[in-house]
Amino acid sequence: MARNNDRERSSRRAPKDTGRRTKKKVCIFCKDHIDYVDYKEVNLLRKFMSDRGKIRARRVSGNCAQHQREVAVAIKTARELALLPYTQRTTSERPGSRGARSRAAAPAAAPSAGDVSEERGDLDERVELDGVDADLDDAEVVGA
């Protein structure tokens, strides 16, 4: 019964706007007669990557099927050899992120200068290492 209700509501679709068509991009490798996509040409390969590090789709880049495969393999090879990054780091934080739940409710108090010296103890103390007296500054750390 629900199907009949759906059909009655939208019996006709609106026609698509076919008046304006975009010009198809031409493969730059075919245009320049480049027969091999080199993984060492990092600047060329960056043109086929998004700002986040993803490989752009063929319809976006305009490559033919053969060259798109070669570009993808070259980008993956360059990533593996650390010539290209797998992803780009994003440092912007969104407002109202999940991590800021109740941090404002109980801020941590910073220790004062007196507290720090009490925690470390006096630097002039002497330490006994294997029966030998030594200053802390002169003591070497020996691995266990």
C-alpha atoms as a PDB file:
ATOM      1  CA  MET A   1       0.000   0.000   0.000  1.00  0.00           C
ATOM      2  CA  ALA A   2       2.845   2.364   0.707  1.00  0.00           C
ATOM      3  CA  ARG A   3       4.082   2.020  -2.853  1.00  0.00           C
ATOM      4  CA  ASN A   4       0.864   3.371  -4.305  1.00  0.00           C
ATOM      5  CA  ASN A   5       1.120   6.464  -2.122  1.00  0.00           C
ATOM      6  CA  ASP A   6       4.679   7.141  -3.320  1.00  0.00           C
ATOM      7  CA  ARG A   7       3.676   6.853  -6.968  1.00  0.00           C
ATOM      8  CA  GLU A   8       0.844   9.287  -6.597  1.00  0.00           C
ATOM      9  CA  ARG A   9       3.022  11.949  -4.997  1.00  0.00           C
ATOM     10  CA  SER A  10       5.798  11.998  -7.565  1.00  0.00           C
ATOM     11  CA  SER A  11       4.341  10.821 -10.823  1.00  0.00           C
ATOM     12  CA  ARG A  12       6.744  12.915 -12.943  1.00  0.00           C
ATOM     13  CA  ARG A  13      10.311  13.968 -12.409  1.00  0.00           C
ATOM     14  CA  ALA A  14      11.603  17.385 -13.224  1.00  0.00           C
ATOM     15  CA  PRO A  15      13.688  17.344 -16.421  1.00  0.00           C
ATOM     16  CA  LYS A  16      17.426  17.736 -16.006  1.00  0.00           C
ATOM     17  CA  ASP A  17      19.062  20.914 -17.156  1.00  0.00           C
ATOM     18  CA  THR A  18      20.788  19.626 -20.307  1.00  0.00           C
ATOM     19  CA  GLY A  19      21.252  23.061 -21.839  1.00  0.00           C
ATOM     20  CA  ARG A  20      24.729  23.529 -20.399  1.00  0.00           C
ATOM     21  CA  ARG A  21      27.327  20.829 -20.821  1.00  0.00           C
ATOM     22  CA  THR A  22      30.854  20.973 -19.514  1.00  0.00           C
ATOM     23  CA  LYS A  23      33.733  20.494 -21.869  1.00  0.00           C
ATOM     24  CA  LYS A  24      35.451  17.136 -21.432  1.00  0.00           C
ATOM     25  CA  LYS A  25      39.007  17.409 -20.158  1.00  0.00           C
ATOM     26  CA  VAL A  26      41.776  16.033 -22.321  1.00  0.00           C
ATOM     27  CA  CYS A  27      44.362  13.638 -20.923  1.00  0.00           C
ATOM     28  CA  ILE A  28      47.580  15.642 -20.567  1.00  0.00           C
ATOM     29  CA  PHE A  29      49.678  12.524 -21.090  1.00  0.00           C
ATOM     30  CA  CYS A  30      48.010  11.787 -24.427  1.00  0.00           C
ATOM     31  CA  LYS A  31      48.178  15.453 -25.444  1.00  0.00           C
ATOM     32  CA  ASP A  32      51.909  15.744 -24.696  1.00  0.00           C
ATOM     33  CA  HIS A  33      52.649  12.218 -26.028  1.00  0.00           C
ATOM     34  CA  ILE A  34      54.097  11.081 -22.677  1.00  0.00           C
ATOM     35  CA  ASP A  35      54.338   7.313 -22.795  1.00  0.00           C
ATOM     36  CA  TYR A  36      55.548   6.675 -19.222  1.00  0.00           C
ATOM     37  CA  VAL A  37      54.363   8.176 -15.944  1.00  0.00           C
ATOM     38  CA  ASP A  38      57.427   8.433 -13.717  1.00  0.00           C
ATOM     39  CA  TYR A  39      56.959   8.065  -9.964  1.00  0.00           C
ATOM     40  CA  LYS A  40      59.902  10.425  -9.361  1.00  0.00           C
ATOM     41  CA  GLU A  41      58.100  13.412 -10.930  1.00  0.00           C
ATOM     42  CA  VAL A  42      56.501  14.465  -7.676  1.00  0.00           C
ATOM     43  CA  ASN A  43      55.280  17.860  -8.896  1.00  0.00           C
ATOM     44  CA  LEU A  44      53.395  16.246 -11.774  1.00  0.00           C
ATOM     45  CA  LEU A  45      51.859  13.603  -9.519  1.00  0.00           C
ATOM     46  CA  ARG A  46      50.700  16.233  -6.990  1.00  0.00           C
ATOM     47  CA  LYS A  47      48.373  17.621  -9.679  1.00  0.00           C
ATOM     48  CA  PHE A  48      46.452  14.359  -9.542  1.00  0.00           C
ATOM     49  CA  MET A  49      46.106  14.351  -5.745  1.00  0.00           C
ATOM     50  CA  SER A  50      43.638  16.243  -3.596  1.00  0.00           C
ATOM     51  CA  ASP A  51      44.740  18.585  -0.831  1.00  0.00           C
ATOM     52  CA  ARG A  52      44.110  15.731   1.636  1.00  0.00           C
ATOM     53  CA  GLY A  53      46.351  13.315  -0.270  1.00  0.00           C
ATOM     54  CA  LYS A  54      43.702  11.286  -2.077  1.00  0.00           C
ATOM     55  CA  ILE A  55      44.109  10.283  -5.717  1.00  0.00           C
ATOM     56  CA  ARG A  56      41.722  12.303  -7.853  1.00  0.00           C
ATOM     57  CA  ALA A  57      39.111  10.467  -9.878  1.00  0.00           C
ATOM     58  CA  ARG A  58      39.435  10.075 -13.629  1.00  0.00           C
ATOM     59  CA  ARG A  59      36.440  12.281 -14.345  1.00  0.00           C
ATOM     60  CA  VAL A  60      38.007  15.045 -12.233  1.00  0.00           C
ATOM     61  CA  SER A  61      41.561  14.783 -13.540  1.00  0.00           C
ATOM     62  CA  GLY A  62      40.560  14.183 -17.166  1.00  0.00           C
ATOM     63  CA  ASN A  63      42.971  11.286 -17.683  1.00  0.00           C
ATOM     64  CA  CYS A  64      42.229   8.415 -20.016  1.00  0.00           C
ATOM     65  CA  ALA A  65      41.793   4.992 -18.417  1.00  0.00           C
ATOM     66  CA  GLN A  66      45.296   3.774 -19.216  1.00  0.00           C
ATOM     67  CA  HIS A  67      47.069   6.863 -17.920  1.00  0.00           C
ATOM     68  CA  GLN A  68      44.831   7.050 -14.828  1.00  0.00           C
ATOM     69  CA  ARG A  69      45.977   3.541 -13.885  1.00  0.00           C
ATOM     70  CA  GLU A  70      49.606   4.519 -14.460  1.00  0.00           C
ATOM     71  CA  VAL A  71      49.192   7.690 -12.381  1.00  0.00           C
ATOM     72  CA  ALA A  72      47.628   5.697  -9.534  1.00  0.00           C
ATOM     73  CA  VAL A  73      50.468   3.158  -9.557  1.00  0.00           C
ATOM     74  CA  ALA A  74      53.078   5.952  -9.717  1.00  0.00           C
ATOM     75  CA  ILE A  75      51.473   7.783  -6.768  1.00  0.00           C
ATOM     76  CA  LYS A  76      51.353   4.589  -4.711  1.00  0.00           C
ATOM     77  CA  THR A  77      54.998   3.855  -5.513  1.00  0.00           C
ATOM     78  CA  ALA A  78      56.022   7.413  -4.600  1.00  0.00           C
ATOM     79  CA  ARG A  79      54.116   7.136  -1.322  1.00  0.00           C
ATOM     80  CA  GLU A  80      55.870   3.910  -0.458  1.00  0.00           C
ATOM     81  CA  LEU A  81      59.264   5.501  -1.115  1.00  0.00           C
ATOM     82  CA  ALA A  82      58.265   8.520   1.018  1.00  0.00           C
ATOM     83  CA  LEU A  83      58.322  10.935  -1.922  1.00  0.00           C
ATOM     84  CA  LEU A  84      54.627  11.730  -1.414  1.00  0.00           C
ATOM     85  CA  PRO A  85      52.592  11.705   1.798  1.00  0.00           C
ATOM     86  CA  TYR A  86      49.777   9.231   2.340  1.00  0.00           C
ATOM     87  CA  THR A  87      47.687  11.976   3.959  1.00  0.00           C
ATOM     88  CA  GLN A  88      48.047  15.631   4.780  1.00  0.00           C
ATOM     89  CA  ARG A  89      47.889  16.664   8.405  1.00  0.00           C
ATOM     90  CA  THR A  90      45.001  18.894   9.342  1.00  0.00           C
ATOM     91  CA  THR A  91      45.576  21.168  12.304  1.00  0.00           C
ATOM     92  CA  SER A  92      42.344  23.136  12.375  1.00  0.00           C
ATOM     93  CA  GLU A  93      39.956  22.317  15.174  1.00  0.00           C
ATOM     94  CA  ARG A  94      36.240  22.496  14.838  1.00  0.00           C
ATOM     95  CA  PRO A  95      34.320  24.615  17.307  1.00  0.00           C
ATOM     96  CA  GLY A  96      32.550  22.562  19.944  1.00  0.00           C
ATOM     97  CA  SER A  97      34.625  19.449  19.458  1.00  0.00           C
ATOM     98  CA  ARG A  98      33.881  16.324  21.456  1.00  0.00           C
ATOM     99  CA  GLY A  99      37.103  16.462  23.467  1.00  0.00           C
ATOM    100  CA  ALA A 100      36.168  19.689  25.294  1.00  0.00           C
ATOM    101  CA  ARG A 101      33.392  18.202  27.441  1.00  0.00           C
ATOM    102  CA  SER A 102      34.089  19.369  30.971  1.00  0.00           C
ATOM    103  CA  ARG A 103      37.605  20.753  30.868  1.00  0.00           C
ATOM    104  CA  ALA A 104      36.440  24.260  31.733  1.00  0.00           C
ATOM    105  CA  ALA A 105      34.713  22.989  34.891  1.00  0.00           C
ATOM    106  CA  ALA A 106      37.919  21.959  36.703  1.00  0.00           C
ATOM    107  CA  PRO A 107      41.054  23.684  35.410  1.00  0.00           C
ATOM    108  CA  ALA A 108      44.325  22.266  36.705  1.00  0.00           C
ATOM    109  CA  ALA A 109      46.340  24.569  38.944  1.00  0.00           C
ATOM    110  CA  ALA A 110      49.889  25.263  37.777  1.00  0.00           C
ATOM    111  CA  PRO A 111      52.556  24.476  40.377  1.00  0.00           C
ATOM    112  CA  SER A 112      54.377  27.425  41.851  1.00  0.00           C
ATOM    113  CA  ALA A 113      58.169  27.789  41.809  1.00  0.00           C
ATOM    114  CA  GLY A 114      58.408  26.634  45.449  1.00  0.00           C
ATOM    115  CA  ASP A 115      56.487  23.436  44.706  1.00  0.00           C
ATOM    116  CA  VAL A 116      58.820  22.492  41.874  1.00  0.00           C
ATOM    117  CA  SER A 117      61.971  22.794  43.983  1.00  0.00           C
ATOM    118  CA  GLU A 118      60.395  20.705  46.764  1.00  0.00           C
ATOM    119  CA  GLU A 119      59.468  17.935  44.305  1.00  0.00           C
ATOM    120  CA  ARG A 120      62.947  17.729  42.770  1.00  0.00           C
ATOM    121  CA  GLY A 121      64.762  17.985  46.049  1.00  0.00           C
ATOM    122  CA  ASP A 122      67.979  19.847  46.629  1.00  0.00           C
ATOM    123  CA  LEU A 123      70.460  19.541  43.750  1.00  0.00           C
ATOM    124  CA  ASP A 124      73.393  19.706  46.134  1.00  0.00           C
ATOM    125  CA  GLU A 125      72.452  16.358  47.691  1.00  0.00           C
ATOM    126  CA  ARG A 126      75.001  13.630  47.376  1.00  0.00           C
ATOM    127  CA  VAL A 127      74.112  10.209  46.032  1.00  0.00           C
ATOM    128  CA  GLU A 128      75.912   6.991  46.778  1.00  0.00           C
ATOM    129  CA  LEU A 129      76.516   4.887  43.656  1.00  0.00           C
ATOM    130  CA  ASP A 130      78.021   1.455  44.243  1.00  0.00           C
ATOM    131  CA  GLY A 131      79.686   2.600  47.426  1.00  0.00           C
ATOM    132  CA  VAL A 132      81.161   5.796  45.850  1.00  0.00           C
ATOM    133  CA  ASP A 133      79.953   9.262  46.784  1.00  0.00           C
ATOM    134  CA  ALA A 134      79.193  11.494  43.786  1.00  0.00           C
ATOM    135  CA  ASP A 135      77.338  14.691  42.993  1.00  0.00           C
ATOM    136  CA  LEU A 136      74.108  14.406  41.041  1.00  0.00           C
ATOM    137  CA  ASP A 137      75.553  16.512  38.224  1.00  0.00           C
ATOM    138  CA  ASP A 138      78.532  14.151  37.810  1.00  0.00           C
ATOM    139  CA  ALA A 139      76.519  10.899  38.060  1.00  0.00           C
ATOM    140  CA  GLU A 140      76.176   8.819  34.906  1.00  0.00           C
ATOM    141  CA  VAL A 141      73.148   6.683  34.252  1.00  0.00           C
ATOM    142  CA  VAL A 142      74.064   3.048  33.698  1.00  0.00           C
ATOM    143  CA  GLY A 143      71.571   0.776  31.950  1.00  0.00           C
ATOM    144  CA  ALA A 144      70.304  -2.243  33.836  1.00  0.00           C
END
